[in-house]
Each structure stands twice: as structure tokens, then as C-alpha cells.
Amino acid sequence: MALSLAFFAVLSLIIYGIIITSVLSQSQQTVFAQQQQPLRQKPSEQQQELLLLQSNSLEVNKLLIKSFVQEVFNKHNLTALDKYYAPNIIQHNPMAGQGRQGFKQFFIPFFSSFPDVHATIEHILAENSVVLVFLNWTGTHKGQFQGIPATN
């Protein structure tokens, strides 16, 4: 019952909009549309500072990820993990063990098997406290990795 009432309310608003736009002249439609829009106020100084801080923190988060990719993945510097990962990090990679040590135990043989592996950031997006990165990996398979012999 409530759904049908809501549906008819929305439908009647749509029909009202269609009738108004077909009856009113272009200049009257413009005036009507302006009256329907809420007045936009300039953000307060505090709101502007908050927006600036938020955009800065997004950029800081992106820089942190870029630095991680460069230092750990491209330079193969696993000791740098100490500044990026908490000791008890929960891994969501089923191939790697838990914590910082699990990450290292996965990537030591990986870097050995793919000595020239390189990750290129194709896209990086940040929102709130989440950073999403699209990586393009290239490398030469020169040693056995997880039971798979070298292909080159």
C-alpha cells in the first residue's frame, strides 16, 4: 500500500513536470527552474578548510601507495615493508601468510623467480580512507615459482 502511494506521488510529480514544461514558455521555464533550486551558499571558512584537508589527505594516501609500489614492488626492498605494514596485518591474498612476515615469505621467492618484475600504476583512485590502484606487472619468469618452472 505504502509503495503504491509513493509510486503515484512520484508519478504525479513527473506528470506535473511534463505539463508545466509543455505549457510554460522557455523564459517562464527558466524562472520556474530557478525558483525550484535551493539557494547555494558559499561554504564557510571552516568547511573550506575541511575540504582542503580532505583533498590533501587523499593526495597523501595516494603518495603513500605510489611510494610503496616503487619501493617494495619495483626496487624489491622488502625491508621497507616495516614502514608500510603493521606487524600483524591481515592478508587477503590466499597465497601469502599473515602479517608482515607472510608478505615477505611470499615475495622473496617471487622476486627471485622474476628478477626484473616491475609494477606500473595505470590508475589510482582515492576516496575517504580507501585507495584503489590498478597495476600492470611486467617481468621475465627466470626461476621456479610455486612449482612452475622458469619459462625464459
N, C-alpha and C. Protein backbone atom coordinates (compact mmCIF):
# COMPACT_ATOMS: atom_id res chain seq x y z
N MET A 1 0.83 -1.19 0.00
CA MET A 1 0.00 0.00 0.00
C MET A 1 0.87 1.25 0.00
N ALA A 2 1.90 1.26 0.92
CA ALA A 2 2.78 2.43 1.00
C ALA A 2 3.57 2.59 -0.29
N LEU A 3 3.97 1.48 -0.88
CA LEU A 3 4.73 1.53 -2.12
C LEU A 3 3.88 2.12 -3.24
N SER A 4 2.64 1.71 -3.31
CA SER A 4 1.80 2.23 -4.38
C SER A 4 1.52 3.72 -4.20
N LEU A 5 1.36 4.18 -2.94
CA LEU A 5 1.16 5.61 -2.70
C LEU A 5 2.40 6.40 -3.10
N ALA A 6 3.57 5.87 -2.74
CA ALA A 6 4.82 6.55 -3.11
C ALA A 6 4.98 6.57 -4.62
N PHE A 7 4.65 5.46 -5.26
CA PHE A 7 4.76 5.38 -6.71
C PHE A 7 3.86 6.43 -7.38
N PHE A 8 2.62 6.53 -6.92
CA PHE A 8 1.69 7.51 -7.51
C PHE A 8 2.11 8.94 -7.21
N ALA A 9 2.73 9.16 -6.05
CA ALA A 9 3.21 10.50 -5.72
C ALA A 9 4.32 10.91 -6.68
N VAL A 10 5.26 9.99 -6.91
CA VAL A 10 6.37 10.27 -7.84
C VAL A 10 5.83 10.43 -9.25
N LEU A 11 4.92 9.56 -9.64
CA LEU A 11 4.34 9.63 -10.98
C LEU A 11 3.62 10.96 -11.18
N SER A 12 2.88 11.41 -10.17
CA SER A 12 2.17 12.68 -10.32
C SER A 12 3.14 13.85 -10.42
N LEU A 13 4.29 13.78 -9.71
CA LEU A 13 5.29 14.84 -9.84
C LEU A 13 5.88 14.86 -11.25
N ILE A 14 6.10 13.69 -11.81
CA ILE A 14 6.64 13.61 -13.17
C ILE A 14 5.63 14.18 -14.16
N ILE A 15 4.37 13.79 -14.02
CA ILE A 15 3.33 14.30 -14.92
C ILE A 15 3.20 15.81 -14.77
N TYR A 16 3.26 16.31 -13.52
CA TYR A 16 3.20 17.75 -13.27
C TYR A 16 4.35 18.46 -13.99
N GLY A 17 5.55 17.87 -13.92
CA GLY A 17 6.71 18.45 -14.60
C GLY A 17 6.53 18.49 -16.10
N ILE A 18 5.96 17.43 -16.64
CA ILE A 18 5.73 17.37 -18.09
C ILE A 18 4.71 18.42 -18.50
N ILE A 19 3.63 18.55 -17.72
CA ILE A 19 2.59 19.53 -18.03
C ILE A 19 3.17 20.95 -17.95
N ILE A 20 3.92 21.23 -16.88
CA ILE A 20 4.49 22.57 -16.69
C ILE A 20 5.41 22.92 -17.86
N THR A 21 6.28 21.98 -18.25
CA THR A 21 7.23 22.28 -19.33
C THR A 21 6.54 22.43 -20.68
N SER A 22 5.42 21.76 -20.87
CA SER A 22 4.75 21.91 -22.16
C SER A 22 3.88 23.16 -22.21
N VAL A 23 3.42 23.68 -21.06
CA VAL A 23 2.55 24.84 -21.02
C VAL A 23 3.34 26.15 -20.95
N LEU A 24 4.42 26.16 -20.20
CA LEU A 24 5.18 27.39 -19.99
C LEU A 24 6.09 27.70 -21.17
N SER A 25 6.33 28.99 -21.38
CA SER A 25 7.29 29.40 -22.41
C SER A 25 8.70 29.14 -21.88
N GLN A 26 9.69 29.24 -22.76
CA GLN A 26 11.08 28.99 -22.38
C GLN A 26 11.52 29.90 -21.24
N SER A 27 11.20 31.20 -21.31
CA SER A 27 11.62 32.12 -20.25
C SER A 27 10.90 31.81 -18.94
N GLN A 28 9.63 31.41 -19.02
CA GLN A 28 8.90 31.04 -17.81
C GLN A 28 9.47 29.76 -17.20
N GLN A 29 9.89 28.81 -18.05
CA GLN A 29 10.50 27.58 -17.55
C GLN A 29 11.79 27.88 -16.81
N THR A 30 12.57 28.83 -17.32
CA THR A 30 13.84 29.19 -16.68
C THR A 30 13.58 29.78 -15.30
N VAL A 31 12.62 30.69 -15.21
CA VAL A 31 12.27 31.30 -13.92
C VAL A 31 11.76 30.24 -12.96
N PHE A 32 10.89 29.34 -13.44
CA PHE A 32 10.35 28.28 -12.60
C PHE A 32 11.47 27.38 -12.08
N ALA A 33 12.41 27.01 -12.96
CA ALA A 33 13.52 26.14 -12.56
C ALA A 33 14.39 26.81 -11.52
N GLN A 34 14.64 28.11 -11.67
CA GLN A 34 15.47 28.83 -10.71
C GLN A 34 14.78 28.90 -9.35
N GLN A 35 13.46 29.02 -9.34
CA GLN A 35 12.73 29.08 -8.08
C GLN A 35 12.76 27.73 -7.37
N GLN A 36 12.88 26.64 -8.11
CA GLN A 36 12.86 25.31 -7.51
C GLN A 36 14.22 24.91 -6.94
N GLN A 37 15.30 25.55 -7.39
CA GLN A 37 16.62 25.20 -6.91
C GLN A 37 16.88 25.88 -5.57
N PRO A 38 17.45 25.12 -4.61
CA PRO A 38 17.78 25.75 -3.33
C PRO A 38 18.90 26.77 -3.53
N LEU A 39 18.88 27.78 -2.71
CA LEU A 39 19.94 28.78 -2.78
C LEU A 39 21.25 28.15 -2.35
N ARG A 40 22.27 28.37 -3.12
CA ARG A 40 23.57 27.83 -2.78
C ARG A 40 24.37 28.88 -2.05
N GLN A 41 24.78 28.49 -0.86
CA GLN A 41 25.58 29.41 -0.06
C GLN A 41 27.05 29.06 -0.22
N LYS A 42 27.86 30.06 -0.11
CA LYS A 42 29.30 29.84 -0.14
C LYS A 42 29.69 29.07 1.11
N PRO A 43 30.53 28.03 0.96
CA PRO A 43 30.94 27.27 2.15
C PRO A 43 31.65 28.18 3.14
N SER A 44 31.43 27.90 4.41
CA SER A 44 32.08 28.69 5.45
C SER A 44 33.59 28.44 5.40
N GLU A 45 34.32 29.26 6.09
CA GLU A 45 35.78 29.12 6.11
C GLU A 45 36.16 27.77 6.71
N GLN A 46 35.43 27.34 7.73
CA GLN A 46 35.70 26.05 8.36
C GLN A 46 35.42 24.91 7.39
N GLN A 47 34.33 25.01 6.62
CA GLN A 47 34.01 23.98 5.63
C GLN A 47 35.06 23.95 4.53
N GLN A 48 35.55 25.12 4.12
CA GLN A 48 36.60 25.18 3.09
C GLN A 48 37.88 24.52 3.60
N GLU A 49 38.24 24.78 4.86
CA GLU A 49 39.44 24.16 5.44
C GLU A 49 39.28 22.64 5.51
N LEU A 50 38.08 22.19 5.88
CA LEU A 50 37.82 20.76 5.95
C LEU A 50 37.95 20.11 4.58
N LEU A 51 37.41 20.76 3.55
CA LEU A 51 37.53 20.24 2.18
C LEU A 51 38.98 20.18 1.74
N LEU A 52 39.75 21.21 2.09
CA LEU A 52 41.17 21.24 1.74
C LEU A 52 41.92 20.12 2.45
N LEU A 53 41.65 19.94 3.74
CA LEU A 53 42.30 18.85 4.48
C LEU A 53 41.96 17.50 3.90
N GLN A 54 40.68 17.33 3.53
CA GLN A 54 40.25 16.06 2.97
C GLN A 54 40.95 15.79 1.64
N SER A 55 41.02 16.80 0.78
CA SER A 55 41.68 16.59 -0.51
C SER A 55 43.17 16.36 -0.31
N ASN A 56 43.77 17.04 0.68
CA ASN A 56 45.20 16.82 0.97
C ASN A 56 45.42 15.41 1.49
N SER A 57 44.53 14.91 2.36
CA SER A 57 44.71 13.56 2.89
C SER A 57 44.55 12.52 1.79
N LEU A 58 43.67 12.78 0.82
CA LEU A 58 43.54 11.86 -0.31
C LEU A 58 44.84 11.82 -1.10
N GLU A 59 45.45 12.98 -1.32
CA GLU A 59 46.72 13.02 -2.06
C GLU A 59 47.84 12.35 -1.26
N VAL A 60 47.83 12.54 0.06
CA VAL A 60 48.84 11.89 0.90
C VAL A 60 48.68 10.38 0.82
N ASN A 61 47.43 9.89 0.87
CA ASN A 61 47.19 8.45 0.76
C ASN A 61 47.66 7.90 -0.58
N LYS A 62 47.41 8.64 -1.66
CA LYS A 62 47.87 8.21 -2.98
C LYS A 62 49.40 8.17 -3.03
N LEU A 63 50.03 9.20 -2.48
CA LEU A 63 51.50 9.24 -2.47
C LEU A 63 52.09 8.07 -1.68
N LEU A 64 51.42 7.70 -0.60
CA LEU A 64 51.87 6.58 0.21
C LEU A 64 51.84 5.29 -0.61
N ILE A 65 50.77 5.08 -1.36
CA ILE A 65 50.66 3.88 -2.19
C ILE A 65 51.70 3.91 -3.32
N LYS A 66 51.86 5.07 -3.94
CA LYS A 66 52.87 5.20 -5.01
C LYS A 66 54.26 4.88 -4.48
N SER A 67 54.55 5.38 -3.29
CA SER A 67 55.84 5.13 -2.67
C SER A 67 56.01 3.64 -2.37
N PHE A 68 54.97 3.00 -1.86
CA PHE A 68 55.01 1.57 -1.57
C PHE A 68 55.29 0.77 -2.84
N VAL A 69 54.56 1.07 -3.91
CA VAL A 69 54.74 0.33 -5.17
C VAL A 69 56.17 0.50 -5.67
N GLN A 70 56.68 1.72 -5.62
CA GLN A 70 58.03 1.97 -6.11
C GLN A 70 59.08 1.28 -5.25
N GLU A 71 58.96 1.46 -3.94
CA GLU A 71 60.00 0.95 -3.04
C GLU A 71 59.96 -0.57 -2.88
N VAL A 72 58.77 -1.13 -2.68
CA VAL A 72 58.66 -2.56 -2.40
C VAL A 72 58.58 -3.38 -3.68
N PHE A 73 57.65 -3.05 -4.56
CA PHE A 73 57.46 -3.87 -5.76
C PHE A 73 58.55 -3.64 -6.81
N ASN A 74 58.92 -2.38 -7.06
CA ASN A 74 59.86 -2.11 -8.15
C ASN A 74 61.32 -2.18 -7.73
N LYS A 75 61.63 -1.78 -6.51
CA LYS A 75 63.01 -1.87 -6.03
C LYS A 75 63.26 -3.17 -5.28
N HIS A 76 62.20 -3.95 -5.07
CA HIS A 76 62.27 -5.24 -4.38
C HIS A 76 62.84 -5.09 -2.97
N ASN A 77 62.54 -4.00 -2.31
CA ASN A 77 63.05 -3.69 -0.98
C ASN A 77 62.05 -4.15 0.07
N LEU A 78 62.16 -5.39 0.51
CA LEU A 78 61.20 -5.93 1.47
C LEU A 78 61.42 -5.39 2.88
N THR A 79 62.56 -4.83 3.16
CA THR A 79 62.76 -4.22 4.48
C THR A 79 61.93 -2.94 4.61
N ALA A 80 61.54 -2.35 3.49
CA ALA A 80 60.70 -1.14 3.52
C ALA A 80 59.29 -1.45 4.00
N LEU A 81 58.91 -2.73 4.01
CA LEU A 81 57.57 -3.10 4.49
C LEU A 81 57.34 -2.61 5.91
N ASP A 82 58.38 -2.51 6.70
CA ASP A 82 58.24 -2.10 8.09
C ASP A 82 57.59 -0.72 8.22
N LYS A 83 57.79 0.14 7.25
CA LYS A 83 57.17 1.46 7.35
C LYS A 83 55.79 1.52 6.69
N TYR A 84 55.39 0.47 5.99
CA TYR A 84 54.08 0.46 5.32
C TYR A 84 53.08 -0.50 5.97
N TYR A 85 53.56 -1.59 6.51
CA TYR A 85 52.67 -2.63 7.04
C TYR A 85 52.81 -2.73 8.55
N ALA A 86 51.69 -2.93 9.22
CA ALA A 86 51.71 -3.25 10.65
C ALA A 86 52.21 -4.70 10.79
N PRO A 87 52.86 -5.02 11.90
CA PRO A 87 53.39 -6.38 12.05
C PRO A 87 52.32 -7.47 11.93
N ASN A 88 51.11 -7.17 12.37
CA ASN A 88 50.05 -8.19 12.39
C ASN A 88 48.99 -7.93 11.32
N ILE A 89 49.40 -7.38 10.19
CA ILE A 89 48.46 -7.09 9.10
C ILE A 89 47.73 -8.36 8.68
N ILE A 90 46.47 -8.22 8.36
CA ILE A 90 45.68 -9.36 7.88
C ILE A 90 45.75 -9.36 6.36
N GLN A 91 46.32 -10.41 5.81
CA GLN A 91 46.46 -10.55 4.37
C GLN A 91 45.17 -11.12 3.79
N HIS A 92 44.78 -10.64 2.64
CA HIS A 92 43.62 -11.19 1.94
C HIS A 92 44.05 -11.95 0.69
N ASN A 93 45.36 -12.10 0.54
CA ASN A 93 45.92 -12.89 -0.55
C ASN A 93 46.02 -14.32 -0.05
N PRO A 94 45.29 -15.27 -0.63
CA PRO A 94 45.33 -16.64 -0.12
C PRO A 94 46.68 -17.32 -0.31
N MET A 95 47.55 -16.74 -1.14
CA MET A 95 48.86 -17.34 -1.38
C MET A 95 49.89 -16.88 -0.35
N ALA A 96 49.62 -15.78 0.34
CA ALA A 96 50.59 -15.24 1.30
C ALA A 96 50.13 -15.53 2.72
N GLY A 97 51.10 -15.72 3.60
CA GLY A 97 50.78 -15.92 5.01
C GLY A 97 50.37 -14.60 5.65
N GLN A 98 50.01 -14.67 6.91
CA GLN A 98 49.55 -13.49 7.61
C GLN A 98 50.71 -12.65 8.14
N GLY A 99 50.44 -11.37 8.31
CA GLY A 99 51.41 -10.45 8.89
C GLY A 99 52.47 -10.04 7.88
N ARG A 100 53.35 -9.20 8.38
CA ARG A 100 54.45 -8.69 7.56
C ARG A 100 55.33 -9.84 7.06
N GLN A 101 55.56 -10.80 7.94
CA GLN A 101 56.41 -11.93 7.58
C GLN A 101 55.77 -12.78 6.48
N GLY A 102 54.46 -12.94 6.51
CA GLY A 102 53.77 -13.70 5.46
C GLY A 102 53.95 -13.05 4.10
N PHE A 103 53.89 -11.71 4.09
CA PHE A 103 54.10 -10.96 2.84
C PHE A 103 55.52 -11.20 2.34
N LYS A 104 56.49 -11.08 3.24
CA LYS A 104 57.89 -11.27 2.85
C LYS A 104 58.14 -12.69 2.35
N GLN A 105 57.56 -13.68 3.05
CA GLN A 105 57.76 -15.08 2.65
C GLN A 105 57.18 -15.37 1.27
N PHE A 106 56.17 -14.62 0.87
CA PHE A 106 55.61 -14.79 -0.47
C PHE A 106 56.49 -14.10 -1.52
N PHE A 107 56.95 -12.88 -1.21
CA PHE A 107 57.64 -12.09 -2.23
C PHE A 107 59.13 -12.40 -2.37
N ILE A 108 59.76 -13.00 -1.38
CA ILE A 108 61.18 -13.37 -1.54
C ILE A 108 61.35 -14.33 -2.72
N PRO A 109 60.63 -15.47 -2.77
CA PRO A 109 60.77 -16.33 -3.94
C PRO A 109 60.19 -15.71 -5.22
N PHE A 110 59.18 -14.85 -5.08
CA PHE A 110 58.61 -14.18 -6.25
C PHE A 110 59.65 -13.30 -6.93
N PHE A 111 60.34 -12.47 -6.14
CA PHE A 111 61.36 -11.58 -6.71
C PHE A 111 62.55 -12.38 -7.23
N SER A 112 62.83 -13.50 -6.62
CA SER A 112 63.92 -14.37 -7.10
C SER A 112 63.56 -15.00 -8.44
N SER A 113 62.31 -15.40 -8.59
CA SER A 113 61.85 -16.04 -9.84
C SER A 113 61.60 -15.04 -10.95
N PHE A 114 61.26 -13.81 -10.60
CA PHE A 114 61.00 -12.74 -11.57
C PHE A 114 61.91 -11.56 -11.22
N PRO A 115 63.21 -11.67 -11.48
CA PRO A 115 64.17 -10.66 -11.00
C PRO A 115 63.98 -9.27 -11.61
N ASP A 116 63.34 -9.18 -12.76
CA ASP A 116 63.15 -7.87 -13.39
C ASP A 116 61.70 -7.41 -13.32
N VAL A 117 60.91 -8.00 -12.41
CA VAL A 117 59.49 -7.65 -12.33
C VAL A 117 59.35 -6.16 -12.01
N HIS A 118 58.35 -5.55 -12.65
CA HIS A 118 58.10 -4.12 -12.47
C HIS A 118 56.60 -3.89 -12.48
N ALA A 119 56.11 -3.08 -11.55
CA ALA A 119 54.69 -2.74 -11.48
C ALA A 119 54.52 -1.28 -11.89
N THR A 120 53.65 -1.05 -12.85
CA THR A 120 53.33 0.31 -13.30
C THR A 120 51.93 0.64 -12.85
N ILE A 121 51.78 1.80 -12.23
CA ILE A 121 50.45 2.24 -11.80
C ILE A 121 49.72 2.79 -13.03
N GLU A 122 48.64 2.11 -13.40
CA GLU A 122 47.83 2.54 -14.54
C GLU A 122 46.78 3.57 -14.10
N HIS A 123 46.15 3.29 -12.96
CA HIS A 123 45.13 4.18 -12.40
C HIS A 123 45.25 4.16 -10.89
N ILE A 124 44.97 5.28 -10.28
CA ILE A 124 44.93 5.34 -8.81
C ILE A 124 43.79 6.26 -8.41
N LEU A 125 42.92 5.73 -7.56
CA LEU A 125 41.74 6.46 -7.11
C LEU A 125 41.73 6.48 -5.60
N ALA A 126 41.30 7.59 -5.02
CA ALA A 126 41.22 7.69 -3.56
C ALA A 126 39.89 8.30 -3.16
N GLU A 127 39.30 7.72 -2.13
CA GLU A 127 38.07 8.24 -1.58
C GLU A 127 38.04 7.86 -0.10
N ASN A 128 37.75 8.83 0.73
CA ASN A 128 37.76 8.64 2.19
C ASN A 128 39.12 8.05 2.58
N SER A 129 39.15 6.87 3.18
CA SER A 129 40.42 6.28 3.59
C SER A 129 40.82 5.11 2.70
N VAL A 130 40.20 4.99 1.53
CA VAL A 130 40.47 3.87 0.63
C VAL A 130 41.21 4.37 -0.61
N VAL A 131 42.24 3.62 -0.99
CA VAL A 131 42.96 3.91 -2.23
C VAL A 131 42.89 2.64 -3.08
N LEU A 132 42.45 2.82 -4.31
CA LEU A 132 42.34 1.71 -5.26
C LEU A 132 43.39 1.94 -6.33
N VAL A 133 44.20 0.92 -6.59
CA VAL A 133 45.27 1.07 -7.56
C VAL A 133 45.20 -0.07 -8.57
N PHE A 134 45.34 0.28 -9.85
CA PHE A 134 45.38 -0.70 -10.93
C PHE A 134 46.84 -0.81 -11.37
N LEU A 135 47.41 -1.99 -11.20
CA LEU A 135 48.81 -2.20 -11.53
C LEU A 135 48.94 -3.04 -12.79
N ASN A 136 49.94 -2.72 -13.59
CA ASN A 136 50.30 -3.51 -14.76
C ASN A 136 51.68 -4.09 -14.46
N TRP A 137 51.75 -5.40 -14.30
CA TRP A 137 53.00 -6.07 -13.95
C TRP A 137 53.68 -6.59 -15.22
N THR A 138 54.99 -6.39 -15.30
CA THR A 138 55.79 -6.98 -16.37
C THR A 138 57.01 -7.62 -15.74
N GLY A 139 57.49 -8.68 -16.34
CA GLY A 139 58.69 -9.34 -15.82
C GLY A 139 58.98 -10.61 -16.59
N THR A 140 60.14 -11.15 -16.35
CA THR A 140 60.59 -12.36 -17.02
C THR A 140 60.67 -13.49 -16.00
N HIS A 141 60.03 -14.61 -16.30
CA HIS A 141 60.00 -15.77 -15.41
C HIS A 141 61.30 -16.56 -15.57
N LYS A 142 62.27 -16.31 -14.68
CA LYS A 142 63.60 -16.90 -14.82
C LYS A 142 63.89 -18.00 -13.82
N GLY A 143 63.01 -18.23 -12.86
CA GLY A 143 63.23 -19.28 -11.87
C GLY A 143 61.92 -19.94 -11.49
N GLN A 144 62.03 -21.12 -10.85
CA GLN A 144 60.83 -21.83 -10.45
C GLN A 144 60.06 -21.01 -9.42
N PHE A 145 58.74 -20.96 -9.61
CA PHE A 145 57.89 -20.25 -8.65
C PHE A 145 56.63 -21.05 -8.42
N GLN A 146 56.39 -21.43 -7.20
CA GLN A 146 55.23 -22.23 -6.78
C GLN A 146 55.05 -23.45 -7.66
N GLY A 147 56.17 -24.13 -7.89
CA GLY A 147 56.12 -25.39 -8.65
C GLY A 147 56.12 -25.22 -10.14
N ILE A 148 56.10 -24.02 -10.63
CA ILE A 148 56.09 -23.77 -12.07
C ILE A 148 57.52 -23.44 -12.51
N PRO A 149 58.10 -24.22 -13.42
CA PRO A 149 59.48 -23.95 -13.84
C PRO A 149 59.58 -22.65 -14.65
N ALA A 150 60.78 -22.13 -14.73
CA ALA A 150 61.04 -20.90 -15.48
C ALA A 150 60.60 -21.08 -16.93
N THR A 151 60.09 -20.03 -17.50
CA THR A 151 59.65 -20.08 -18.90
C THR A 151 60.62 -19.34 -19.81
N ASN A 152 61.60 -18.69 -19.24
CA ASN A 152 62.54 -17.93 -20.06
C ASN A 152 63.94 -18.06 -19.48
